[in-house]
């Protein structure tokens, strides 16, 4: 039991670090480790992961650096769709065959990994003299260039559709939804990687609530010790990720995300 707690704590730290760097809730690590590594049933692992997602989003709310990057107007708009998707997913959770969830997890990871690789060297930034034109456009200090830069949010219908799907996946497989929201915002909607990550972390906490309730109500979230351990690890990992995030170039962040997605998708589609 002690080894399970230690491994869960370490996985939580890694998940929190990835959350700070990439804006994903950590389920991409927590779910496979708990399910395949510790033998926790898939839905139980998903429930524990959603508790970690809630901890990660809470950490951003008290983080000055995170608040400077995230786009509150865009986040609130997209939450209308992600929470609707999460509520629909929670409703369907016990009505669909349990066997489809691991496969759905693997397919989603593979699809998003390819999308990230296709946009590996693309930056969605403009010089600061170009003023924001739309209601969701904004500016921020870019660590890679050392300049104040502007970005424009495009293709809002795609962002809304991605958020709806992310909400459903959050309830189905416990990944928080950031693993879909971040690539969608970055690859298709013109949002810079760091901004997409911070905005996603803010969103996933709210999006995770319907799924967490559904997993608890269905009797799948019953190991509170593992859930608490994962949450503590995520909080520690988030601080670690923030401390190193400014020194990591965006290209390497995208490549890291694509590699992780590829490995996890192989585990659930072939392993």
C-alpha atoms as a PDB file:
ATOM      1  CA  UNK A   1       0.000   0.000   0.000  1.00  0.00           C
ATOM      2  CA  UNK A   2       2.866   2.342   0.826  1.00  0.00           C
ATOM      3  CA  UNK A   3       4.376   1.797  -2.622  1.00  0.00           C
ATOM      4  CA  UNK A   4       1.021   2.656  -4.212  1.00  0.00           C
ATOM      5  CA  UNK A   5       0.864   5.923  -2.281  1.00  0.00           C
ATOM      6  CA  UNK A   6       4.457   6.830  -3.200  1.00  0.00           C
ATOM      7  CA  UNK A   7       3.908   6.058  -6.884  1.00  0.00           C
ATOM      8  CA  UNK A   8       0.664   8.034  -6.899  1.00  0.00           C
ATOM      9  CA  UNK A   9       2.427  10.990  -5.264  1.00  0.00           C
ATOM     10  CA  UNK A  10       5.207  10.899  -7.868  1.00  0.00           C
ATOM     11  CA  UNK A  11       2.675  10.611 -10.678  1.00  0.00           C
ATOM     12  CA  UNK A  12       0.788  13.569  -9.219  1.00  0.00           C
ATOM     13  CA  UNK A  13       3.984  15.638  -9.166  1.00  0.00           C
ATOM     14  CA  UNK A  14       4.669  14.764 -12.810  1.00  0.00           C
ATOM     15  CA  UNK A  15       1.052  15.510 -13.720  1.00  0.00           C
ATOM     16  CA  UNK A  16       1.115  18.880 -11.953  1.00  0.00           C
ATOM     17  CA  UNK A  17       4.368  19.795 -13.668  1.00  0.00           C
ATOM     18  CA  UNK A  18       2.879  18.939 -17.063  1.00  0.00           C
ATOM     19  CA  UNK A  19      -0.211  20.939 -16.146  1.00  0.00           C
ATOM     20  CA  UNK A  20       1.861  24.057 -15.493  1.00  0.00           C
ATOM     21  CA  UNK A  21       3.898  23.554 -18.683  1.00  0.00           C
ATOM     22  CA  UNK A  22       1.248  22.313 -21.118  1.00  0.00           C
ATOM     23  CA  UNK A  23      -2.152  23.110 -19.598  1.00  0.00           C
ATOM     24  CA  UNK A  24      -3.265  19.474 -19.375  1.00  0.00           C
ATOM     25  CA  UNK A  25      -4.940  18.163 -16.263  1.00  0.00           C
ATOM     26  CA  UNK A  26      -2.544  15.299 -15.667  1.00  0.00           C
ATOM     27  CA  UNK A  27      -4.935  12.475 -16.478  1.00  0.00           C
ATOM     28  CA  UNK A  28      -2.699  11.541 -19.392  1.00  0.00           C
ATOM     29  CA  UNK A  29      -0.219  10.314 -16.749  1.00  0.00           C
ATOM     30  CA  UNK A  30      -2.389   9.534 -13.744  1.00  0.00           C
ATOM     31  CA  UNK A  31      -4.956   7.383 -15.524  1.00  0.00           C
ATOM     32  CA  UNK A  32      -2.459   5.007 -17.221  1.00  0.00           C
ATOM     33  CA  UNK A  33      -0.285   4.726 -14.101  1.00  0.00           C
ATOM     34  CA  UNK A  34      -3.155   3.977 -11.736  1.00  0.00           C
ATOM     35  CA  UNK A  35      -4.915   1.696 -14.220  1.00  0.00           C
ATOM     36  CA  UNK A  36      -2.035  -0.194 -15.825  1.00  0.00           C
ATOM     37  CA  UNK A  37       0.626   0.248 -13.155  1.00  0.00           C
ATOM     38  CA  UNK A  38      -1.320  -0.167  -9.915  1.00  0.00           C
ATOM     39  CA  UNK A  39      -4.306  -2.165 -11.131  1.00  0.00           C
ATOM     40  CA  UNK A  40      -6.929   0.449 -10.259  1.00  0.00           C
ATOM     41  CA  UNK A  41     -10.043  -0.053 -12.444  1.00  0.00           C
ATOM     42  CA  UNK A  42     -10.169   2.398 -15.350  1.00  0.00           C
ATOM     43  CA  UNK A  43     -13.154   4.334 -14.029  1.00  0.00           C
ATOM     44  CA  UNK A  44     -11.629   4.484 -10.555  1.00  0.00           C
ATOM     45  CA  UNK A  45      -8.405   5.850 -12.048  1.00  0.00           C
ATOM     46  CA  UNK A  46     -10.424   8.407 -14.005  1.00  0.00           C
ATOM     47  CA  UNK A  47     -12.168   9.556 -10.825  1.00  0.00           C
ATOM     48  CA  UNK A  48      -8.871   9.991  -8.948  1.00  0.00           C
ATOM     49  CA  UNK A  49      -7.495  11.891 -11.944  1.00  0.00           C
ATOM     50  CA  UNK A  50     -10.412  14.336 -11.865  1.00  0.00           C
ATOM     51  CA  UNK A  51      -9.614  15.155  -8.227  1.00  0.00           C
ATOM     52  CA  UNK A  52      -6.076  15.947  -9.361  1.00  0.00           C
ATOM     53  CA  UNK A  53      -7.537  18.174 -12.090  1.00  0.00           C
ATOM     54  CA  UNK A  54      -9.485  20.145  -9.478  1.00  0.00           C
ATOM     55  CA  UNK A  55      -6.291  20.632  -7.449  1.00  0.00           C
ATOM     56  CA  UNK A  56      -4.389  21.819 -10.526  1.00  0.00           C
ATOM     57  CA  UNK A  57      -7.004  24.407 -11.448  1.00  0.00           C
ATOM     58  CA  UNK A  58      -7.102  25.661  -7.849  1.00  0.00           C
ATOM     59  CA  UNK A  59      -3.322  26.125  -7.938  1.00  0.00           C
ATOM     60  CA  UNK A  60      -3.615  28.386 -10.989  1.00  0.00           C
ATOM     61  CA  UNK A  61      -6.209  30.593  -9.269  1.00  0.00           C
ATOM     62  CA  UNK A  62      -3.642  31.641  -6.636  1.00  0.00           C
ATOM     63  CA  UNK A  63      -0.710  31.863  -9.064  1.00  0.00           C
ATOM     64  CA  UNK A  64       0.286  35.348 -10.231  1.00  0.00           C
ATOM     65  CA  UNK A  65       2.169  34.055 -13.287  1.00  0.00           C
ATOM     66  CA  UNK A  66      -0.776  31.917 -14.398  1.00  0.00           C
ATOM     67  CA  UNK A  67      -3.281  34.747 -14.052  1.00  0.00           C
ATOM     68  CA  UNK A  68      -1.095  37.008 -16.213  1.00  0.00           C
ATOM     69  CA  UNK A  69      -1.255  34.565 -19.118  1.00  0.00           C
ATOM     70  CA  UNK A  70      -4.778  33.159 -19.108  1.00  0.00           C
ATOM     71  CA  UNK A  71      -7.540  34.828 -21.142  1.00  0.00           C
ATOM     72  CA  UNK A  72     -10.579  35.158 -18.829  1.00  0.00           C
ATOM     73  CA  UNK A  73     -13.073  36.249 -21.500  1.00  0.00           C
ATOM     74  CA  UNK A  74     -12.200  33.330 -23.756  1.00  0.00           C
ATOM     75  CA  UNK A  75     -12.218  30.883 -20.816  1.00  0.00           C
ATOM     76  CA  UNK A  76     -15.684  31.926 -19.639  1.00  0.00           C
ATOM     77  CA  UNK A  77     -17.085  31.704 -23.180  1.00  0.00           C
ATOM     78  CA  UNK A  78     -15.644  28.223 -23.747  1.00  0.00           C
ATOM     79  CA  UNK A  79     -16.779  27.020 -20.320  1.00  0.00           C
ATOM     80  CA  UNK A  80     -20.366  27.266 -21.570  1.00  0.00           C
ATOM     81  CA  UNK A  81     -19.523  24.458 -24.001  1.00  0.00           C
ATOM     82  CA  UNK A  82     -17.088  22.399 -21.925  1.00  0.00           C
ATOM     83  CA  UNK A  83     -19.423  22.246 -18.905  1.00  0.00           C
ATOM     84  CA  UNK A  84     -22.336  21.320 -21.185  1.00  0.00           C
ATOM     85  CA  UNK A  85     -20.227  18.544 -22.686  1.00  0.00           C
ATOM     86  CA  UNK A  86     -19.120  17.368 -19.236  1.00  0.00           C
ATOM     87  CA  UNK A  87     -22.722  17.271 -18.018  1.00  0.00           C
ATOM     88  CA  UNK A  88     -23.773  15.260 -21.070  1.00  0.00           C
ATOM     89  CA  UNK A  89     -20.823  12.910 -20.568  1.00  0.00           C
ATOM     90  CA  UNK A  90     -21.732  12.447 -16.900  1.00  0.00           C
ATOM     91  CA  UNK A  91     -25.301  11.576 -17.922  1.00  0.00           C
ATOM     92  CA  UNK A  92     -24.075   8.998 -20.456  1.00  0.00           C
ATOM     93  CA  UNK A  93     -21.301   7.577 -18.252  1.00  0.00           C
ATOM     94  CA  UNK A  94     -23.256   4.605 -16.884  1.00  0.00           C
ATOM     95  CA  UNK A  95     -25.254   4.131 -20.097  1.00  0.00           C
ATOM     96  CA  UNK A  96     -22.382   3.224 -22.432  1.00  0.00           C
ATOM     97  CA  UNK A  97     -20.281   0.013 -22.393  1.00  0.00           C
ATOM     98  CA  UNK A  98     -17.274   0.362 -20.076  1.00  0.00           C
ATOM     99  CA  UNK A  99     -14.950  -1.218 -22.677  1.00  0.00           C
ATOM    100  CA  UNK A 100     -15.176   1.766 -25.020  1.00  0.00           C
ATOM    101  CA  UNK A 101     -13.516   4.237 -22.637  1.00  0.00           C
ATOM    102  CA  UNK A 102      -9.888   2.961 -22.790  1.00  0.00           C
ATOM    103  CA  UNK A 103     -10.063   2.759 -26.609  1.00  0.00           C
ATOM    104  CA  UNK A 104     -11.552   6.240 -26.796  1.00  0.00           C
ATOM    105  CA  UNK A 105      -8.702   7.444 -24.592  1.00  0.00           C
ATOM    106  CA  UNK A 106      -6.060   5.992 -26.936  1.00  0.00           C
ATOM    107  CA  UNK A 107      -7.686   7.311 -30.127  1.00  0.00           C
ATOM    108  CA  UNK A 108      -7.978  10.802 -28.658  1.00  0.00           C
ATOM    109  CA  UNK A 109      -4.324  10.862 -27.602  1.00  0.00           C
ATOM    110  CA  UNK A 110      -3.117   9.766 -31.070  1.00  0.00           C
ATOM    111  CA  UNK A 111      -5.244  12.361 -32.895  1.00  0.00           C
ATOM    112  CA  UNK A 112      -4.103  15.276 -30.748  1.00  0.00           C
ATOM    113  CA  UNK A 113      -0.451  14.188 -30.889  1.00  0.00           C
ATOM    114  CA  UNK A 114      -0.490  14.378 -34.700  1.00  0.00           C
ATOM    115  CA  UNK A 115      -2.141  17.814 -34.566  1.00  0.00           C
ATOM    116  CA  UNK A 116       0.624  19.117 -32.286  1.00  0.00           C
ATOM    117  CA  UNK A 117       3.407  17.812 -34.552  1.00  0.00           C
ATOM    118  CA  UNK A 118       1.856  19.471 -37.605  1.00  0.00           C
ATOM    119  CA  UNK A 119       2.083  22.856 -35.837  1.00  0.00           C
ATOM    120  CA  UNK A 120       5.449  22.305 -34.145  1.00  0.00           C
ATOM    121  CA  UNK A 121       7.211  25.438 -35.469  1.00  0.00           C
ATOM    122  CA  UNK A 122       4.201  27.769 -35.744  1.00  0.00           C
ATOM    123  CA  UNK A 123       3.923  30.745 -33.361  1.00  0.00           C
ATOM    124  CA  UNK A 124       0.559  32.563 -33.030  1.00  0.00           C
ATOM    125  CA  UNK A 125       1.958  35.957 -32.061  1.00  0.00           C
ATOM    126  CA  UNK A 126       2.027  39.456 -33.579  1.00  0.00           C
ATOM    127  CA  UNK A 127       4.082  42.498 -32.632  1.00  0.00           C
ATOM    128  CA  UNK A 128       2.501  44.530 -29.842  1.00  0.00           C
ATOM    129  CA  UNK A 129       1.903  47.567 -32.085  1.00  0.00           C
ATOM    130  CA  UNK A 130      -0.919  45.596 -33.734  1.00  0.00           C
ATOM    131  CA  UNK A 131      -3.787  46.258 -31.356  1.00  0.00           C
ATOM    132  CA  UNK A 132      -6.246  43.498 -30.390  1.00  0.00           C
ATOM    133  CA  UNK A 133      -9.275  43.743 -32.701  1.00  0.00           C
ATOM    134  CA  UNK A 134     -11.772  41.143 -31.444  1.00  0.00           C
ATOM    135  CA  UNK A 135     -13.447  40.642 -28.063  1.00  0.00           C
ATOM    136  CA  UNK A 136     -11.210  37.663 -27.221  1.00  0.00           C
ATOM    137  CA  UNK A 137      -7.905  39.047 -28.556  1.00  0.00           C
ATOM    138  CA  UNK A 138      -5.265  39.984 -25.980  1.00  0.00           C
ATOM    139  CA  UNK A 139      -1.538  40.620 -25.405  1.00  0.00           C
ATOM    140  CA  UNK A 140       1.120  39.252 -23.045  1.00  0.00           C
ATOM    141  CA  UNK A 141       4.865  39.218 -22.401  1.00  0.00           C
ATOM    142  CA  UNK A 142       6.432  36.447 -24.498  1.00  0.00           C
ATOM    143  CA  UNK A 143       9.375  34.726 -22.764  1.00  0.00           C
ATOM    144  CA  UNK A 144      10.784  33.340 -26.027  1.00  0.00           C
ATOM    145  CA  UNK A 145      11.133  36.729 -27.762  1.00  0.00           C
ATOM    146  CA  UNK A 146      11.370  39.009 -24.707  1.00  0.00           C
ATOM    147  CA  UNK A 147       8.652  41.249 -26.187  1.00  0.00           C
ATOM    148  CA  UNK A 148       5.070  42.264 -25.520  1.00  0.00           C
ATOM    149  CA  UNK A 149       3.082  40.471 -28.218  1.00  0.00           C
ATOM    150  CA  UNK A 150      -0.527  40.360 -29.400  1.00  0.00           C
ATOM    151  CA  UNK A 151      -2.609  37.417 -30.582  1.00  0.00           C
ATOM    152  CA  UNK A 152      -5.957  37.145 -32.345  1.00  0.00           C
ATOM    153  CA  UNK A 153      -8.462  34.395 -31.607  1.00  0.00           C
ATOM    154  CA  UNK A 154      -9.881  32.889 -34.804  1.00  0.00           C
ATOM    155  CA  UNK A 155     -12.350  30.128 -35.687  1.00  0.00           C
ATOM    156  CA  UNK A 156     -14.403  30.370 -32.488  1.00  0.00           C
ATOM    157  CA  UNK A 157     -16.843  27.654 -33.670  1.00  0.00           C
ATOM    158  CA  UNK A 158     -13.920  25.184 -33.735  1.00  0.00           C
ATOM    159  CA  UNK A 159     -12.888  26.257 -30.242  1.00  0.00           C
ATOM    160  CA  UNK A 160     -16.473  25.786 -29.022  1.00  0.00           C
ATOM    161  CA  UNK A 161     -16.742  22.338 -30.636  1.00  0.00           C
ATOM    162  CA  UNK A 162     -13.388  21.307 -29.169  1.00  0.00           C
ATOM    163  CA  UNK A 163     -14.484  22.480 -25.715  1.00  0.00           C
ATOM    164  CA  UNK A 164     -17.750  20.528 -25.970  1.00  0.00           C
ATOM    165  CA  UNK A 165     -15.841  17.365 -26.909  1.00  0.00           C
ATOM    166  CA  UNK A 166     -13.260  18.038 -24.177  1.00  0.00           C
ATOM    167  CA  UNK A 167     -16.015  18.254 -21.580  1.00  0.00           C
ATOM    168  CA  UNK A 168     -17.460  14.903 -22.645  1.00  0.00           C
ATOM    169  CA  UNK A 169     -14.015  13.281 -22.574  1.00  0.00           C
ATOM    170  CA  UNK A 170     -13.375  14.742 -19.123  1.00  0.00           C
ATOM    171  CA  UNK A 171     -16.371  12.857 -17.756  1.00  0.00           C
ATOM    172  CA  UNK A 172     -15.717   9.705 -19.798  1.00  0.00           C
ATOM    173  CA  UNK A 173     -11.996   9.174 -19.198  1.00  0.00           C
ATOM    174  CA  UNK A 174     -10.879  11.580 -16.463  1.00  0.00           C
ATOM    175  CA  UNK A 175      -8.417  13.669 -18.487  1.00  0.00           C
ATOM    176  CA  UNK A 176      -9.728  17.109 -17.546  1.00  0.00           C
ATOM    177  CA  UNK A 177     -10.184  18.141 -21.183  1.00  0.00           C
ATOM    178  CA  UNK A 178      -7.031  20.252 -21.439  1.00  0.00           C
ATOM    179  CA  UNK A 179      -5.392  17.628 -23.623  1.00  0.00           C
ATOM    180  CA  UNK A 180      -7.957  18.570 -26.292  1.00  0.00           C
ATOM    181  CA  UNK A 181      -8.532  22.254 -25.484  1.00  0.00           C
ATOM    182  CA  UNK A 182      -4.853  23.287 -25.643  1.00  0.00           C
ATOM    183  CA  UNK A 183      -4.067  21.798 -29.093  1.00  0.00           C
ATOM    184  CA  UNK A 184      -7.400  23.067 -30.480  1.00  0.00           C
ATOM    185  CA  UNK A 185      -6.749  26.627 -29.315  1.00  0.00           C
ATOM    186  CA  UNK A 186      -3.119  26.547 -30.412  1.00  0.00           C
ATOM    187  CA  UNK A 187      -3.367  24.662 -33.729  1.00  0.00           C
ATOM    188  CA  UNK A 188      -6.678  25.939 -35.072  1.00  0.00           C
ATOM    189  CA  UNK A 189      -7.672  29.134 -33.253  1.00  0.00           C
ATOM    190  CA  UNK A 190      -4.527  31.273 -33.200  1.00  0.00           C
ATOM    191  CA  UNK A 191      -3.919  31.207 -29.432  1.00  0.00           C
ATOM    192  CA  UNK A 192      -0.224  31.040 -28.337  1.00  0.00           C
ATOM    193  CA  UNK A 193       0.838  27.870 -26.533  1.00  0.00           C
ATOM    194  CA  UNK A 194       1.476  29.445 -23.121  1.00  0.00           C
ATOM    195  CA  UNK A 195      -1.829  31.345 -23.180  1.00  0.00           C
ATOM    196  CA  UNK A 196      -3.732  28.250 -24.311  1.00  0.00           C
ATOM    197  CA  UNK A 197      -2.150  26.271 -21.464  1.00  0.00           C
ATOM    198  CA  UNK A 198      -3.013  28.827 -18.765  1.00  0.00           C
ATOM    199  CA  UNK A 199      -6.561  29.295 -20.096  1.00  0.00           C
ATOM    200  CA  UNK A 200      -7.050  25.521 -20.206  1.00  0.00           C
ATOM    201  CA  UNK A 201      -5.917  25.033 -16.600  1.00  0.00           C
ATOM    202  CA  UNK A 202      -8.486  27.603 -15.481  1.00  0.00           C
ATOM    203  CA  UNK A 203     -11.228  25.848 -17.469  1.00  0.00           C
ATOM    204  CA  UNK A 204     -10.534  22.236 -16.560  1.00  0.00           C
ATOM    205  CA  UNK A 205     -11.289  22.668 -12.858  1.00  0.00           C
ATOM    206  CA  UNK A 206     -14.874  23.716 -13.568  1.00  0.00           C
ATOM    207  CA  UNK A 207     -15.214  21.177 -16.394  1.00  0.00           C
ATOM    208  CA  UNK A 208     -14.088  18.323 -14.119  1.00  0.00           C
ATOM    209  CA  UNK A 209     -16.863  18.812 -11.539  1.00  0.00           C
ATOM    210  CA  UNK A 210     -19.737  16.962 -13.326  1.00  0.00           C
ATOM    211  CA  UNK A 211     -17.498  13.978 -14.100  1.00  0.00           C
ATOM    212  CA  UNK A 212     -16.106  13.803 -10.566  1.00  0.00           C
ATOM    213  CA  UNK A 213     -19.636  13.802  -9.137  1.00  0.00           C
ATOM    214  CA  UNK A 214     -20.723  11.111 -11.611  1.00  0.00           C
ATOM    215  CA  UNK A 215     -17.754   8.864 -10.767  1.00  0.00           C
ATOM    216  CA  UNK A 216     -18.395   9.264  -7.053  1.00  0.00           C
ATOM    217  CA  UNK A 217     -22.139   8.661  -7.458  1.00  0.00           C
ATOM    218  CA  UNK A 218     -21.422   5.546  -9.535  1.00  0.00           C
ATOM    219  CA  UNK A 219     -19.210   4.117  -6.809  1.00  0.00           C
ATOM    220  CA  UNK A 220     -15.974   4.406  -8.809  1.00  0.00           C
ATOM    221  CA  UNK A 221     -14.341   7.117  -6.694  1.00  0.00           C
ATOM    222  CA  UNK A 222     -13.949   5.242  -3.428  1.00  0.00           C
ATOM    223  CA  UNK A 223     -10.182   5.333  -2.744  1.00  0.00           C
ATOM    224  CA  UNK A 224      -9.976   8.724  -1.038  1.00  0.00           C
ATOM    225  CA  UNK A 225      -6.384   8.138   0.087  1.00  0.00           C
ATOM    226  CA  UNK A 226      -5.166   7.823  -3.484  1.00  0.00           C
ATOM    227  CA  UNK A 227      -7.256  10.827  -4.534  1.00  0.00           C
ATOM    228  CA  UNK A 228      -5.808  12.991  -1.747  1.00  0.00           C
ATOM    229  CA  UNK A 229      -2.271  11.800  -2.504  1.00  0.00           C
ATOM    230  CA  UNK A 230      -2.678  12.626  -6.190  1.00  0.00           C
ATOM    231  CA  UNK A 231      -3.981  16.107  -5.316  1.00  0.00           C
ATOM    232  CA  UNK A 232      -1.000  16.830  -3.028  1.00  0.00           C
ATOM    233  CA  UNK A 233       1.404  15.660  -5.728  1.00  0.00           C
ATOM    234  CA  UNK A 234      -0.302  17.793  -8.364  1.00  0.00           C
ATOM    235  CA  UNK A 235       0.015  20.926  -6.220  1.00  0.00           C
ATOM    236  CA  UNK A 236       3.728  20.316  -5.680  1.00  0.00           C
ATOM    237  CA  UNK A 237       4.281  19.526  -9.341  1.00  0.00           C
ATOM    238  CA  UNK A 238       2.466  22.671 -10.444  1.00  0.00           C
ATOM    239  CA  UNK A 239       4.911  24.843  -8.491  1.00  0.00           C
ATOM    240  CA  UNK A 240       7.825  22.933 -10.020  1.00  0.00           C
ATOM    241  CA  UNK A 241       6.430  23.345 -13.531  1.00  0.00           C
ATOM    242  CA  UNK A 242       5.959  27.070 -13.085  1.00  0.00           C
ATOM    243  CA  UNK A 243       9.523  27.510 -11.879  1.00  0.00           C
ATOM    244  CA  UNK A 244      10.978  25.929 -15.025  1.00  0.00           C
ATOM    245  CA  UNK A 245       8.299  26.829 -17.574  1.00  0.00           C
ATOM    246  CA  UNK A 246       9.631  30.275 -18.462  1.00  0.00           C
ATOM    247  CA  UNK A 247      13.016  28.769 -19.410  1.00  0.00           C
ATOM    248  CA  UNK A 248      11.604  26.128 -21.778  1.00  0.00           C
ATOM    249  CA  UNK A 249      11.018  27.135 -25.398  1.00  0.00           C
ATOM    250  CA  UNK A 250       7.529  26.656 -26.849  1.00  0.00           C
ATOM    251  CA  UNK A 251       8.782  24.287 -29.576  1.00  0.00           C
ATOM    252  CA  UNK A 252      10.052  21.856 -26.919  1.00  0.00           C
ATOM    253  CA  UNK A 253       6.788  22.092 -24.993  1.00  0.00           C
ATOM    254  CA  UNK A 254       4.861  21.078 -28.112  1.00  0.00           C
ATOM    255  CA  UNK A 255       7.278  18.242 -28.853  1.00  0.00           C
ATOM    256  CA  UNK A 256       7.028  16.990 -25.261  1.00  0.00           C
ATOM    257  CA  UNK A 257       3.242  16.944 -25.470  1.00  0.00           C
ATOM    258  CA  UNK A 258       3.281  15.078 -28.798  1.00  0.00           C
ATOM    259  CA  UNK A 259       5.673  12.397 -27.482  1.00  0.00           C
ATOM    260  CA  UNK A 260       3.631  11.817 -24.323  1.00  0.00           C
ATOM    261  CA  UNK A 261       0.425  11.559 -26.338  1.00  0.00           C
ATOM    262  CA  UNK A 262       1.997   9.074 -28.731  1.00  0.00           C
ATOM    263  CA  UNK A 263       3.269   6.788 -25.975  1.00  0.00           C
ATOM    264  CA  UNK A 264      -0.031   6.786 -24.106  1.00  0.00           C
ATOM    265  CA  UNK A 265      -2.069   6.162 -27.263  1.00  0.00           C
ATOM    266  CA  UNK A 266       0.121   3.146 -28.098  1.00  0.00           C
ATOM    267  CA  UNK A 267      -0.434   1.746 -24.606  1.00  0.00           C
ATOM    268  CA  UNK A 268      -4.206   1.859 -24.927  1.00  0.00           C
ATOM    269  CA  UNK A 269      -4.563   0.972 -28.607  1.00  0.00           C
ATOM    270  CA  UNK A 270      -1.902  -1.738 -28.933  1.00  0.00           C
ATOM    271  CA  UNK A 271      -0.637  -2.629 -25.432  1.00  0.00           C
END
